[in-house]
């Protein structure tokens, strides 16, 4: 499975009425569905690892806006 975020899609509104209306259609279909046996022979993993957690927090007072902008640009370029 692969996932990514582009940052330009709007977040859907949370409307419980729409969710309940969809569930009225989905639940009967799920209850009628027949189970399927999946074979794991065709699945192969090239590598599995936990994502690297990296958090560098700095608290610096009295820094100019230009210095902060320069640091952000350098961080993005890395």
Protein backbone atom coordinates (compact mmCIF):
# COMPACT_ATOMS: atom_id res chain seq x y z
CA UNK A 1 0.00 0.00 0.00
CA UNK A 2 1.23 3.45 -0.85
CA UNK A 3 -0.15 6.76 0.33
CA UNK A 4 0.70 10.38 -0.18
CA UNK A 5 -0.79 13.83 0.32
CA UNK A 6 -0.71 16.51 -2.32
CA UNK A 7 -1.99 19.34 -0.17
CA UNK A 8 -4.34 20.77 -2.80
CA UNK A 9 -7.48 18.70 -2.19
CA UNK A 10 -10.17 20.12 0.06
CA UNK A 11 -11.02 18.19 3.18
CA UNK A 12 -14.53 16.71 2.99
CA UNK A 13 -17.13 18.07 5.35
CA UNK A 14 -18.21 15.85 8.20
CA UNK A 15 -21.91 15.33 7.58
CA UNK A 16 -23.34 12.48 9.69
CA UNK A 17 -26.59 12.42 7.71
CA UNK A 18 -24.76 11.60 4.48
CA UNK A 19 -22.76 8.90 6.26
CA UNK A 20 -25.90 7.27 7.66
CA UNK A 21 -27.63 7.41 4.27
CA UNK A 22 -24.62 5.68 2.69
CA UNK A 23 -24.58 3.03 5.43
CA UNK A 24 -28.22 2.14 4.66
CA UNK A 25 -27.06 1.17 1.19
CA UNK A 26 -23.71 -0.36 2.09
CA UNK A 27 -24.65 -2.57 5.05
CA UNK A 28 -27.20 -4.80 3.24
CA UNK A 29 -24.72 -5.28 0.39
CA UNK A 30 -21.98 -6.28 2.86
CA UNK A 31 -24.31 -8.72 4.60
CA UNK A 32 -25.15 -10.41 1.28
CA UNK A 33 -21.53 -10.65 0.14
CA UNK A 34 -20.01 -14.10 -0.01
CA UNK A 35 -16.60 -14.66 1.63
CA UNK A 36 -13.67 -15.06 -0.70
CA UNK A 37 -10.49 -16.97 0.10
CA UNK A 38 -7.43 -14.94 -0.77
CA UNK A 39 -4.20 -16.72 -1.53
CA UNK A 40 -1.06 -15.12 -0.19
CA UNK A 41 1.23 -16.74 -2.76
CA UNK A 42 1.26 -13.75 -5.10
CA UNK A 43 2.14 -11.22 -2.41
CA UNK A 44 5.80 -10.33 -1.95
CA UNK A 45 7.40 -7.69 0.23
CA UNK A 46 10.54 -5.95 -0.91
CA UNK A 47 11.01 -4.25 2.44
CA UNK A 48 9.11 -3.32 5.55
CA UNK A 49 10.21 -0.71 8.06
CA UNK A 50 8.78 1.82 10.45
CA UNK A 51 8.88 5.44 9.32
CA UNK A 52 11.76 7.43 10.71
CA UNK A 53 10.67 9.86 13.37
CA UNK A 54 12.68 13.02 13.39
CA UNK A 55 11.84 16.08 15.38
CA UNK A 56 14.23 18.96 15.77
CA UNK A 57 12.64 21.70 17.82
CA UNK A 58 14.33 25.02 18.37
CA UNK A 59 13.11 27.86 20.54
CA UNK A 60 15.03 30.99 19.65
CA UNK A 61 14.02 34.49 20.64
CA UNK A 62 14.92 37.76 18.96
CA UNK A 63 15.63 36.36 15.52
CA UNK A 64 14.98 38.47 12.43
CA UNK A 65 12.39 37.49 9.86
CA UNK A 66 15.09 37.22 7.19
CA UNK A 67 17.08 34.73 9.28
CA UNK A 68 13.99 32.61 9.92
CA UNK A 69 13.10 32.63 6.21
CA UNK A 70 16.67 31.67 5.29
CA UNK A 71 16.60 28.72 7.70
CA UNK A 72 13.26 27.52 6.31
CA UNK A 73 14.57 27.67 2.73
CA UNK A 74 17.72 25.74 3.73
CA UNK A 75 15.57 23.11 5.51
CA UNK A 76 13.36 22.67 2.42
CA UNK A 77 16.38 22.29 0.13
CA UNK A 78 17.76 19.46 2.27
